[in-house]
Amino acid sequence: MNSKQRAWLRAQANDMPCQFHIGKGELDSEIVTGLDEILTTHELLKINVLKTAADPIREIADKLAEAVDADIVQVIGRRIVLYRFSEKLAKKGRSLALPY
């Protein structure tokens, strides 16, 4: 993903509400499954990390992105934005059209 695409995705995520919250619990298979389902149906995901989270936010973002095979678009404050291309949405014509 290049910087132009990342900037475009940040702009798309700007007005999006947080769709997922992560607290003090460990990143287990239920969280990964939930994130995977959301990324399959939406491609772009905004996550709120609560203050009770034990790990640093950047570390949480890296773990999540690796677990669901997604790209980190942005980590700002306690918010993480992830993107993963969805073949399912592309077949339906509802995929995000990234700029080149």
PDB file of N, CA and C in Angstrom:
ATOM      1  N   MET A   1       0.850  -1.163   0.000  1.00  0.00           N
ATOM      2  CA  MET A   1       0.000   0.000   0.000  1.00  0.00           C
ATOM      3  C   MET A   1       0.902   1.233   0.000  1.00  0.00           C
ATOM      4  N   ASN A   2       0.637   2.155  -0.915  1.00  0.00           N
ATOM      5  CA  ASN A   2       1.459   3.359  -0.957  1.00  0.00           C
ATOM      6  C   ASN A   2       0.840   4.476  -0.109  1.00  0.00           C
ATOM      7  N   SER A   3       1.553   5.590  -0.003  1.00  0.00           N
ATOM      8  CA  SER A   3       1.118   6.671   0.886  1.00  0.00           C
ATOM      9  C   SER A   3      -0.177   7.334   0.403  1.00  0.00           C
ATOM     10  N   LYS A   4      -0.379   7.387  -0.897  1.00  0.00           N
ATOM     11  CA  LYS A   4      -1.604   7.988  -1.431  1.00  0.00           C
ATOM     12  C   LYS A   4      -2.826   7.141  -1.059  1.00  0.00           C
ATOM     13  N   GLN A   5      -2.683   5.839  -1.166  1.00  0.00           N
ATOM     14  CA  GLN A   5      -3.771   4.936  -0.790  1.00  0.00           C
ATOM     15  C   GLN A   5      -4.038   5.010   0.710  1.00  0.00           C
ATOM     16  N   ARG A   6      -2.965   5.064   1.494  1.00  0.00           N
ATOM     17  CA  ARG A   6      -3.111   5.149   2.950  1.00  0.00           C
ATOM     18  C   ARG A   6      -3.833   6.448   3.341  1.00  0.00           C
ATOM     19  N   ALA A   7      -3.473   7.557   2.697  1.00  0.00           N
ATOM     20  CA  ALA A   7      -4.119   8.839   2.983  1.00  0.00           C
ATOM     21  C   ALA A   7      -5.601   8.793   2.611  1.00  0.00           C
ATOM     22  N   TRP A   8      -5.924   8.152   1.481  1.00  0.00           N
ATOM     23  CA  TRP A   8      -7.318   8.041   1.062  1.00  0.00           C
ATOM     24  C   TRP A   8      -8.122   7.208   2.059  1.00  0.00           C
ATOM     25  N   LEU A   9      -7.527   6.110   2.534  1.00  0.00           N
ATOM     26  CA  LEU A   9      -8.209   5.265   3.519  1.00  0.00           C
ATOM     27  C   LEU A   9      -8.382   5.992   4.850  1.00  0.00           C
ATOM     28  N   ARG A  10      -7.391   6.786   5.253  1.00  0.00           N
ATOM     29  CA  ARG A  10      -7.533   7.582   6.485  1.00  0.00           C
ATOM     30  C   ARG A  10      -8.704   8.549   6.358  1.00  0.00           C
ATOM     31  N   ALA A  11      -8.840   9.156   5.189  1.00  0.00           N
ATOM     32  CA  ALA A  11      -9.955  10.081   4.965  1.00  0.00           C
ATOM     33  C   ALA A  11     -11.293   9.351   5.035  1.00  0.00           C
ATOM     34  N   GLN A  12     -11.364   8.143   4.488  1.00  0.00           N
ATOM     35  CA  GLN A  12     -12.601   7.357   4.543  1.00  0.00           C
ATOM     36  C   GLN A  12     -12.952   6.973   5.974  1.00  0.00           C
ATOM     37  N   ALA A  13     -11.938   6.682   6.781  1.00  0.00           N
ATOM     38  CA  ALA A  13     -12.160   6.240   8.160  1.00  0.00           C
ATOM     39  C   ALA A  13     -12.428   7.397   9.109  1.00  0.00           C
ATOM     40  N   ASN A  14     -12.197   8.614   8.656  1.00  0.00           N
ATOM     41  CA  ASN A  14     -12.323   9.782   9.529  1.00  0.00           C
ATOM     42  C   ASN A  14     -13.708   9.898  10.159  1.00  0.00           C
ATOM     43  N   ASP A  15     -14.747   9.735   9.383  1.00  0.00           N
ATOM     44  CA  ASP A  15     -16.117   9.892   9.884  1.00  0.00           C
ATOM     45  C   ASP A  15     -16.741   8.576  10.343  1.00  0.00           C
ATOM     46  N   MET A  16     -16.003   7.494  10.229  1.00  0.00           N
ATOM     47  CA  MET A  16     -16.515   6.180  10.623  1.00  0.00           C
ATOM     48  C   MET A  16     -16.559   6.044  12.139  1.00  0.00           C
ATOM     49  N   PRO A  17     -17.606   5.439  12.665  1.00  0.00           N
ATOM     50  CA  PRO A  17     -17.591   5.143  14.107  1.00  0.00           C
ATOM     51  C   PRO A  17     -16.690   3.935  14.376  1.00  0.00           C
ATOM     52  N   CYS A  18     -16.221   3.827  15.606  1.00  0.00           N
ATOM     53  CA  CYS A  18     -15.432   2.648  15.991  1.00  0.00           C
ATOM     54  C   CYS A  18     -16.353   1.437  15.979  1.00  0.00           C
ATOM     55  N   GLN A  19     -15.925   0.379  15.321  1.00  0.00           N
ATOM     56  CA  GLN A  19     -16.752  -0.816  15.196  1.00  0.00           C
ATOM     57  C   GLN A  19     -16.324  -1.921  16.146  1.00  0.00           C
ATOM     58  N   PHE A  20     -15.193  -1.724  16.809  1.00  0.00           N
ATOM     59  CA  PHE A  20     -14.663  -2.775  17.667  1.00  0.00           C
ATOM     60  C   PHE A  20     -13.927  -2.131  18.829  1.00  0.00           C
ATOM     61  N   HIS A  21     -14.053  -2.710  20.012  1.00  0.00           N
ATOM     62  CA  HIS A  21     -13.378  -2.197  21.203  1.00  0.00           C
ATOM     63  C   HIS A  21     -12.516  -3.302  21.799  1.00  0.00           C
ATOM     64  N   ILE A  22     -11.310  -2.939  22.199  1.00  0.00           N
ATOM     65  CA  ILE A  22     -10.398  -3.893  22.821  1.00  0.00           C
ATOM     66  C   ILE A  22     -10.040  -3.370  24.200  1.00  0.00           C
ATOM     67  N   GLY A  23     -10.189  -4.234  25.204  1.00  0.00           N
ATOM     68  CA  GLY A  23      -9.923  -3.843  26.583  1.00  0.00           C
ATOM     69  C   GLY A  23      -8.716  -4.540  27.157  1.00  0.00           C
ATOM     70  N   LYS A  24      -8.821  -4.873  28.440  1.00  0.00           N
ATOM     71  CA  LYS A  24      -7.665  -5.427  29.140  1.00  0.00           C
ATOM     72  C   LYS A  24      -7.423  -6.907  28.877  1.00  0.00           C
ATOM     73  N   GLY A  25      -8.347  -7.579  28.254  1.00  0.00           N
ATOM     74  CA  GLY A  25      -8.183  -9.007  27.990  1.00  0.00           C
ATOM     75  C   GLY A  25      -7.132  -9.280  26.931  1.00  0.00           C
ATOM     76  N   GLU A  26      -6.699 -10.509  26.881  1.00  0.00           N
ATOM     77  CA  GLU A  26      -5.725 -10.938  25.875  1.00  0.00           C
ATOM     78  C   GLU A  26      -6.376 -10.988  24.492  1.00  0.00           C
ATOM     79  N   LEU A  27      -5.554 -10.920  23.471  1.00  0.00           N
ATOM     80  CA  LEU A  27      -6.043 -11.043  22.104  1.00  0.00           C
ATOM     81  C   LEU A  27      -6.221 -12.527  21.796  1.00  0.00           C
ATOM     82  N   ASP A  28      -7.427 -13.013  22.012  1.00  0.00           N
ATOM     83  CA  ASP A  28      -7.688 -14.439  21.833  1.00  0.00           C
ATOM     84  C   ASP A  28      -8.357 -14.713  20.486  1.00  0.00           C
ATOM     85  N   SER A  29      -8.711 -15.957  20.270  1.00  0.00           N
ATOM     86  CA  SER A  29      -9.279 -16.362  18.984  1.00  0.00           C
ATOM     87  C   SER A  29     -10.646 -15.735  18.723  1.00  0.00           C
ATOM     88  N   GLU A  30     -11.410 -15.441  19.773  1.00  0.00           N
ATOM     89  CA  GLU A  30     -12.720 -14.806  19.580  1.00  0.00           C
ATOM     90  C   GLU A  30     -12.562 -13.407  18.996  1.00  0.00           C
ATOM     91  N   ILE A  31     -11.593 -12.662  19.492  1.00  0.00           N
ATOM     92  CA  ILE A  31     -11.346 -11.313  18.979  1.00  0.00           C
ATOM     93  C   ILE A  31     -10.897 -11.386  17.525  1.00  0.00           C
ATOM     94  N   VAL A  32      -9.978 -12.286  17.240  1.00  0.00           N
ATOM     95  CA  VAL A  32      -9.473 -12.435  15.872  1.00  0.00           C
ATOM     96  C   VAL A  32     -10.594 -12.857  14.926  1.00  0.00           C
ATOM     97  N   THR A  33     -11.455 -13.766  15.355  1.00  0.00           N
ATOM     98  CA  THR A  33     -12.582 -14.200  14.532  1.00  0.00           C
ATOM     99  C   THR A  33     -13.540 -13.041  14.265  1.00  0.00           C
ATOM    100  N   GLY A  34     -13.827 -12.253  15.292  1.00  0.00           N
ATOM    101  CA  GLY A  34     -14.706 -11.096  15.128  1.00  0.00           C
ATOM    102  C   GLY A  34     -14.130 -10.073  14.162  1.00  0.00           C
ATOM    103  N   LEU A  35     -12.841  -9.785  14.299  1.00  0.00           N
ATOM    104  CA  LEU A  35     -12.185  -8.845  13.388  1.00  0.00           C
ATOM    105  C   LEU A  35     -12.189  -9.377  11.958  1.00  0.00           C
ATOM    106  N   ASP A  36     -11.943 -10.658  11.818  1.00  0.00           N
ATOM    107  CA  ASP A  36     -11.919 -11.282  10.497  1.00  0.00           C
ATOM    108  C   ASP A  36     -13.276 -11.164   9.809  1.00  0.00           C
ATOM    109  N   GLU A  37     -14.347 -11.395  10.552  1.00  0.00           N
ATOM    110  CA  GLU A  37     -15.700 -11.284   9.990  1.00  0.00           C
ATOM    111  C   GLU A  37     -16.005  -9.856   9.554  1.00  0.00           C
ATOM    112  N   ILE A  38     -15.634  -8.889  10.380  1.00  0.00           N
ATOM    113  CA  ILE A  38     -15.894  -7.488  10.040  1.00  0.00           C
ATOM    114  C   ILE A  38     -15.093  -7.082   8.808  1.00  0.00           C
ATOM    115  N   LEU A  39     -13.820  -7.472   8.747  1.00  0.00           N
ATOM    116  CA  LEU A  39     -12.993  -7.114   7.594  1.00  0.00           C
ATOM    117  C   LEU A  39     -13.462  -7.795   6.312  1.00  0.00           C
ATOM    118  N   THR A  40     -14.089  -8.942   6.422  1.00  0.00           N
ATOM    119  CA  THR A  40     -14.618  -9.624   5.243  1.00  0.00           C
ATOM    120  C   THR A  40     -15.811  -8.870   4.671  1.00  0.00           C
ATOM    121  N   THR A  41     -16.602  -8.265   5.542  1.00  0.00           N
ATOM    122  CA  THR A  41     -17.810  -7.577   5.078  1.00  0.00           C
ATOM    123  C   THR A  41     -17.641  -6.070   4.899  1.00  0.00           C
ATOM    124  N   HIS A  42     -16.580  -5.483   5.446  1.00  0.00           N
ATOM    125  CA  HIS A  42     -16.429  -4.025   5.374  1.00  0.00           C
ATOM    126  C   HIS A  42     -15.104  -3.534   4.809  1.00  0.00           C
ATOM    127  N   GLU A  43     -14.059  -4.306   4.823  1.00  0.00           N
ATOM    128  CA  GLU A  43     -12.709  -3.972   4.358  1.00  0.00           C
ATOM    129  C   GLU A  43     -11.982  -2.962   5.249  1.00  0.00           C
ATOM    130  N   LEU A  44     -12.650  -1.951   5.716  1.00  0.00           N
ATOM    131  CA  LEU A  44     -12.025  -0.914   6.539  1.00  0.00           C
ATOM    132  C   LEU A  44     -12.616  -0.989   7.940  1.00  0.00           C
ATOM    133  N   LEU A  45     -11.759  -1.022   8.942  1.00  0.00           N
ATOM    134  CA  LEU A  45     -12.203  -1.233  10.316  1.00  0.00           C
ATOM    135  C   LEU A  45     -11.518  -0.250  11.246  1.00  0.00           C
ATOM    136  N   LYS A  46     -12.313   0.398  12.079  1.00  0.00           N
ATOM    137  CA  LYS A  46     -11.791   1.325  13.075  1.00  0.00           C
ATOM    138  C   LYS A  46     -11.972   0.693  14.450  1.00  0.00           C
ATOM    139  N   ILE A  47     -10.874   0.627  15.198  1.00  0.00           N
ATOM    140  CA  ILE A  47     -10.858  -0.049  16.492  1.00  0.00           C
ATOM    141  C   ILE A  47     -10.510   0.949  17.581  1.00  0.00           C
ATOM    142  N   ASN A  48     -11.216   0.868  18.689  1.00  0.00           N
ATOM    143  CA  ASN A  48     -10.921   1.687  19.858  1.00  0.00           C
ATOM    144  C   ASN A  48     -10.242   0.801  20.898  1.00  0.00           C
ATOM    145  N   VAL A  49      -9.084   1.232  21.392  1.00  0.00           N
ATOM    146  CA  VAL A  49      -8.376   0.499  22.433  1.00  0.00           C
ATOM    147  C   VAL A  49      -8.640   1.220  23.751  1.00  0.00           C
ATOM    148  N   LEU A  50      -9.235   0.515  24.689  1.00  0.00           N
ATOM    149  CA  LEU A  50      -9.574   1.121  25.972  1.00  0.00           C
ATOM    150  C   LEU A  50      -8.326   1.383  26.805  1.00  0.00           C
ATOM    151  N   LYS A  51      -8.447   2.278  27.767  1.00  0.00           N
ATOM    152  CA  LYS A  51      -7.314   2.643  28.618  1.00  0.00           C
ATOM    153  C   LYS A  51      -6.826   1.480  29.468  1.00  0.00           C
ATOM    154  N   THR A  52      -7.660   0.484  29.660  1.00  0.00           N
ATOM    155  CA  THR A  52      -7.288  -0.659  30.500  1.00  0.00           C
ATOM    156  C   THR A  52      -6.410  -1.673  29.768  1.00  0.00           C
ATOM    157  N   ALA A  53      -6.157  -1.468  28.488  1.00  0.00           N
ATOM    158  CA  ALA A  53      -5.326  -2.410  27.724  1.00  0.00           C
ATOM    159  C   ALA A  53      -3.912  -2.424  28.290  1.00  0.00           C
ATOM    160  N   ALA A  54      -3.364  -3.625  28.446  1.00  0.00           N
ATOM    161  CA  ALA A  54      -2.059  -3.780  29.084  1.00  0.00           C
ATOM    162  C   ALA A  54      -0.897  -3.466  28.138  1.00  0.00           C
ATOM    163  N   ASP A  55      -1.022  -3.813  26.875  1.00  0.00           N
ATOM    164  CA  ASP A  55       0.071  -3.630  25.917  1.00  0.00           C
ATOM    165  C   ASP A  55       0.031  -2.242  25.292  1.00  0.00           C
ATOM    166  N   PRO A  56       1.174  -1.775  24.783  1.00  0.00           N
ATOM    167  CA  PRO A  56       1.186  -0.512  24.029  1.00  0.00           C
ATOM    168  C   PRO A  56       0.307  -0.631  22.784  1.00  0.00           C
ATOM    169  N   ILE A  57      -0.278   0.461  22.377  1.00  0.00           N
ATOM    170  CA  ILE A  57      -1.253   0.444  21.288  1.00  0.00           C
ATOM    171  C   ILE A  57      -0.622   0.011  19.964  1.00  0.00           C
ATOM    172  N   ARG A  58       0.586   0.463  19.698  1.00  0.00           N
ATOM    173  CA  ARG A  58       1.252   0.076  18.450  1.00  0.00           C
ATOM    174  C   ARG A  58       1.493  -1.439  18.413  1.00  0.00           C
ATOM    175  N   GLU A  59       1.837  -2.007  19.551  1.00  0.00           N
ATOM    176  CA  GLU A  59       2.047  -3.457  19.630  1.00  0.00           C
ATOM    177  C   GLU A  59       0.736  -4.213  19.391  1.00  0.00           C
ATOM    178  N   ILE A  60      -0.350  -3.705  19.956  1.00  0.00           N
ATOM    179  CA  ILE A  60      -1.667  -4.311  19.734  1.00  0.00           C
ATOM    180  C   ILE A  60      -2.023  -4.247  18.247  1.00  0.00           C
ATOM    181  N   ALA A  61      -1.773  -3.094  17.618  1.00  0.00           N
ATOM    182  CA  ALA A  61      -2.068  -2.933  16.192  1.00  0.00           C
ATOM    183  C   ALA A  61      -1.274  -3.925  15.347  1.00  0.00           C
ATOM    184  N   ASP A  62       0.002  -4.091  15.667  1.00  0.00           N
ATOM    185  CA  ASP A  62       0.833  -5.038  14.919  1.00  0.00           C
ATOM    186  C   ASP A  62       0.323  -6.467  15.065  1.00  0.00           C
ATOM    187  N   LYS A  63      -0.043  -6.847  16.288  1.00  0.00           N
ATOM    188  CA  LYS A  63      -0.554  -8.201  16.534  1.00  0.00           C
ATOM    189  C   LYS A  63      -1.865  -8.443  15.791  1.00  0.00           C
ATOM    190  N   LEU A  64      -2.764  -7.457  15.846  1.00  0.00           N
ATOM    191  CA  LEU A  64      -4.057  -7.604  15.171  1.00  0.00           C
ATOM    192  C   LEU A  64      -3.886  -7.705  13.661  1.00  0.00           C
ATOM    193  N   ALA A  65      -3.064  -6.828  13.102  1.00  0.00           N
ATOM    194  CA  ALA A  65      -2.856  -6.831  11.654  1.00  0.00           C
ATOM    195  C   ALA A  65      -2.261  -8.155  11.189  1.00  0.00           C
ATOM    196  N   GLU A  66      -1.329  -8.680  11.954  1.00  0.00           N
ATOM    197  CA  GLU A  66      -0.720  -9.961  11.597  1.00  0.00           C
ATOM    198  C   GLU A  66      -1.724 -11.108  11.725  1.00  0.00           C
ATOM    199  N   ALA A  67      -2.551 -11.065  12.761  1.00  0.00           N
ATOM    200  CA  ALA A  67      -3.509 -12.150  13.008  1.00  0.00           C
ATOM    201  C   ALA A  67      -4.583 -12.237  11.930  1.00  0.00           C
ATOM    202  N   VAL A  68      -5.017 -11.097  11.397  1.00  0.00           N
ATOM    203  CA  VAL A  68      -6.095 -11.105  10.400  1.00  0.00           C
ATOM    204  C   VAL A  68      -5.596 -10.794   8.992  1.00  0.00           C
ATOM    205  N   ASP A  69      -4.277 -10.725   8.820  1.00  0.00           N
ATOM    206  CA  ASP A  69      -3.659 -10.462   7.522  1.00  0.00           C
ATOM    207  C   ASP A  69      -4.175  -9.155   6.918  1.00  0.00           C
ATOM    208  N   ALA A  70      -4.088  -8.079   7.700  1.00  0.00           N
ATOM    209  CA  ALA A  70      -4.563  -6.767   7.270  1.00  0.00           C
ATOM    210  C   ALA A  70      -3.409  -5.769   7.284  1.00  0.00           C
ATOM    211  N   ASP A  71      -3.631  -4.626   6.657  1.00  0.00           N
ATOM    212  CA  ASP A  71      -2.658  -3.533   6.665  1.00  0.00           C
ATOM    213  C   ASP A  71      -3.071  -2.507   7.706  1.00  0.00           C
ATOM    214  N   ILE A  72      -2.093  -1.983   8.418  1.00  0.00           N
ATOM    215  CA  ILE A  72      -2.361  -0.903   9.362  1.00  0.00           C
ATOM    216  C   ILE A  72      -2.400   0.394   8.565  1.00  0.00           C
ATOM    217  N   VAL A  73      -3.544   1.065   8.595  1.00  0.00           N
ATOM    218  CA  VAL A  73      -3.692   2.334   7.904  1.00  0.00           C
ATOM    219  C   VAL A  73      -3.212   3.460   8.803  1.00  0.00           C
ATOM    220  N   GLN A  74      -3.618   3.400  10.078  1.00  0.00           N
ATOM    221  CA  GLN A  74      -3.299   4.493  10.988  1.00  0.00           C
ATOM    222  C   GLN A  74      -3.406   4.026  12.430  1.00  0.00           C
ATOM    223  N   VAL A  75      -2.506   4.529  13.250  1.00  0.00           N
ATOM    224  CA  VAL A  75      -2.605   4.385  14.700  1.00  0.00           C
ATOM    225  C   VAL A  75      -2.468   5.791  15.244  1.00  0.00           C
ATOM    226  N   ILE A  76      -3.539   6.301  15.816  1.00  0.00           N
ATOM    227  CA  ILE A  76      -3.506   7.653  16.354  1.00  0.00           C
ATOM    228  C   ILE A  76      -4.261   7.657  17.673  1.00  0.00           C
ATOM    229  N   GLY A  77      -3.590   8.077  18.715  1.00  0.00           N
ATOM    230  CA  GLY A  77      -4.198   8.041  20.038  1.00  0.00           C
ATOM    231  C   GLY A  77      -4.516   6.614  20.420  1.00  0.00           C
ATOM    232  N   ARG A  78      -5.760   6.363  20.743  1.00  0.00           N
ATOM    233  CA  ARG A  78      -6.202   5.014  21.104  1.00  0.00           C
ATOM    234  C   ARG A  78      -7.034   4.380  19.995  1.00  0.00           C
ATOM    235  N   ARG A  79      -6.878   4.881  18.793  1.00  0.00           N
ATOM    236  CA  ARG A  79      -7.625   4.369  17.647  1.00  0.00           C
ATOM    237  C   ARG A  79      -6.681   3.685  16.653  1.00  0.00           C
ATOM    238  N   ILE A  80      -7.148   2.563  16.127  1.00  0.00           N
ATOM    239  CA  ILE A  80      -6.411   1.809  15.111  1.00  0.00           C
ATOM    240  C   ILE A  80      -7.334   1.653  13.907  1.00  0.00           C
ATOM    241  N   VAL A  81      -6.800   1.882  12.725  1.00  0.00           N
ATOM    242  CA  VAL A  81      -7.565   1.671  11.499  1.00  0.00           C
ATOM    243  C   VAL A  81      -6.854   0.588  10.691  1.00  0.00           C
ATOM    244  N   LEU A  82      -7.592  -0.478  10.365  1.00  0.00           N
ATOM    245  CA  LEU A  82      -7.064  -1.598   9.586  1.00  0.00           C
ATOM    246  C   LEU A  82      -7.803  -1.701   8.256  1.00  0.00           C
ATOM    247  N   TYR A  83      -7.089  -2.178   7.230  1.00  0.00           N
ATOM    248  CA  TYR A  83      -7.685  -2.401   5.914  1.00  0.00           C
ATOM    249  C   TYR A  83      -7.253  -3.770   5.396  1.00  0.00           C
ATOM    250  N   ARG A  84      -8.226  -4.485   4.820  1.00  0.00           N
ATOM    251  CA  ARG A  84      -7.926  -5.739   4.132  1.00  0.00           C
ATOM    252  C   ARG A  84      -8.868  -5.863   2.937  1.00  0.00           C
ATOM    253  N   PHE A  85      -8.294  -6.083   1.770  1.00  0.00           N
ATOM    254  CA  PHE A  85      -9.090  -6.263   0.562  1.00  0.00           C
ATOM    255  C   PHE A  85      -9.971  -7.492   0.707  1.00  0.00           C
ATOM    256  N   SER A  86     -11.227  -7.379   0.273  1.00  0.00           N
ATOM    257  CA  SER A  86     -12.177  -8.480   0.381  1.00  0.00           C
ATOM    258  C   SER A  86     -12.606  -8.941  -1.007  1.00  0.00           C
ATOM    259  N   GLU A  87     -12.261 -10.170  -1.337  1.00  0.00           N
ATOM    260  CA  GLU A  87     -12.688 -10.759  -2.616  1.00  0.00           C
ATOM    261  C   GLU A  87     -14.211 -10.837  -2.696  1.00  0.00           C
ATOM    262  N   LYS A  88     -14.834 -11.112  -1.563  1.00  0.00           N
ATOM    263  CA  LYS A  88     -16.293 -11.243  -1.505  1.00  0.00           C
ATOM    264  C   LYS A  88     -16.970  -9.937  -1.935  1.00  0.00           C
ATOM    265  N   LEU A  89     -16.474  -8.808  -1.423  1.00  0.00           N
ATOM    266  CA  LEU A  89     -17.047  -7.516  -1.798  1.00  0.00           C
ATOM    267  C   LEU A  89     -16.690  -7.135  -3.231  1.00  0.00           C
ATOM    268  N   ALA A  90     -15.511  -7.511  -3.678  1.00  0.00           N
ATOM    269  CA  ALA A  90     -15.095  -7.195  -5.048  1.00  0.00           C
ATOM    270  C   ALA A  90     -15.999  -7.891  -6.060  1.00  0.00           C
ATOM    271  N   LYS A  91     -16.388  -9.126  -5.772  1.00  0.00           N
ATOM    272  CA  LYS A  91     -17.282  -9.862  -6.672  1.00  0.00           C
ATOM    273  C   LYS A  91     -18.655  -9.208  -6.749  1.00  0.00           C
ATOM    274  N   LYS A  92     -19.072  -8.583  -5.641  1.00  0.00           N
ATOM    275  CA  LYS A  92     -20.368  -7.909  -5.613  1.00  0.00           C
ATOM    276  C   LYS A  92     -20.282  -6.476  -6.131  1.00  0.00           C
ATOM    277  N   GLY A  93     -19.069  -5.992  -6.396  1.00  0.00           N
ATOM    278  CA  GLY A  93     -18.891  -4.624  -6.879  1.00  0.00           C
ATOM    279  C   GLY A  93     -18.960  -3.584  -5.781  1.00  0.00           C
ATOM    280  N   ARG A  94     -18.786  -3.994  -4.527  1.00  0.00           N
ATOM    281  CA  ARG A  94     -18.885  -3.063  -3.402  1.00  0.00           C
ATOM    282  C   ARG A  94     -17.542  -2.823  -2.717  1.00  0.00           C
ATOM    283  N   SER A  95     -16.469  -3.215  -3.354  1.00  0.00           N
ATOM    284  CA  SER A  95     -15.140  -3.057  -2.774  1.00  0.00           C
ATOM    285  C   SER A  95     -14.712  -1.592  -2.829  1.00  0.00           C
ATOM    286  N   LEU A  96     -13.881  -1.183  -1.882  1.00  0.00           N
ATOM    287  CA  LEU A  96     -13.335   0.170  -1.907  1.00  0.00           C
ATOM    288  C   LEU A  96     -12.381   0.288  -3.089  1.00  0.00           C
ATOM    289  N   ALA A  97     -12.533   1.325  -3.877  1.00  0.00           N
ATOM    290  CA  ALA A  97     -11.676   1.533  -5.046  1.00  0.00           C
ATOM    291  C   ALA A  97     -10.505   2.413  -4.631  1.00  0.00           C
ATOM    292  N   LEU A  98      -9.384   1.785  -4.320  1.00  0.00           N
ATOM    293  CA  LEU A  98      -8.209   2.534  -3.882  1.00  0.00           C
ATOM    294  C   LEU A  98      -7.599   3.301  -5.044  1.00  0.00           C
ATOM    295  N   PRO A  99      -7.135   4.538  -4.796  1.00  0.00           N
ATOM    296  CA  PRO A  99      -6.430   5.273  -5.851  1.00  0.00           C
ATOM    297  C   PRO A  99      -5.061   4.645  -6.103  1.00  0.00           C
ATOM    298  N   TYR A 100      -4.535   4.856  -7.276  1.00  0.00           N
ATOM    299  CA  TYR A 100      -3.230   4.289  -7.606  1.00  0.00           C
ATOM    300  C   TYR A 100      -2.219   5.278  -7.262  1.00  0.00           C
TER     301      TYR A 100
END
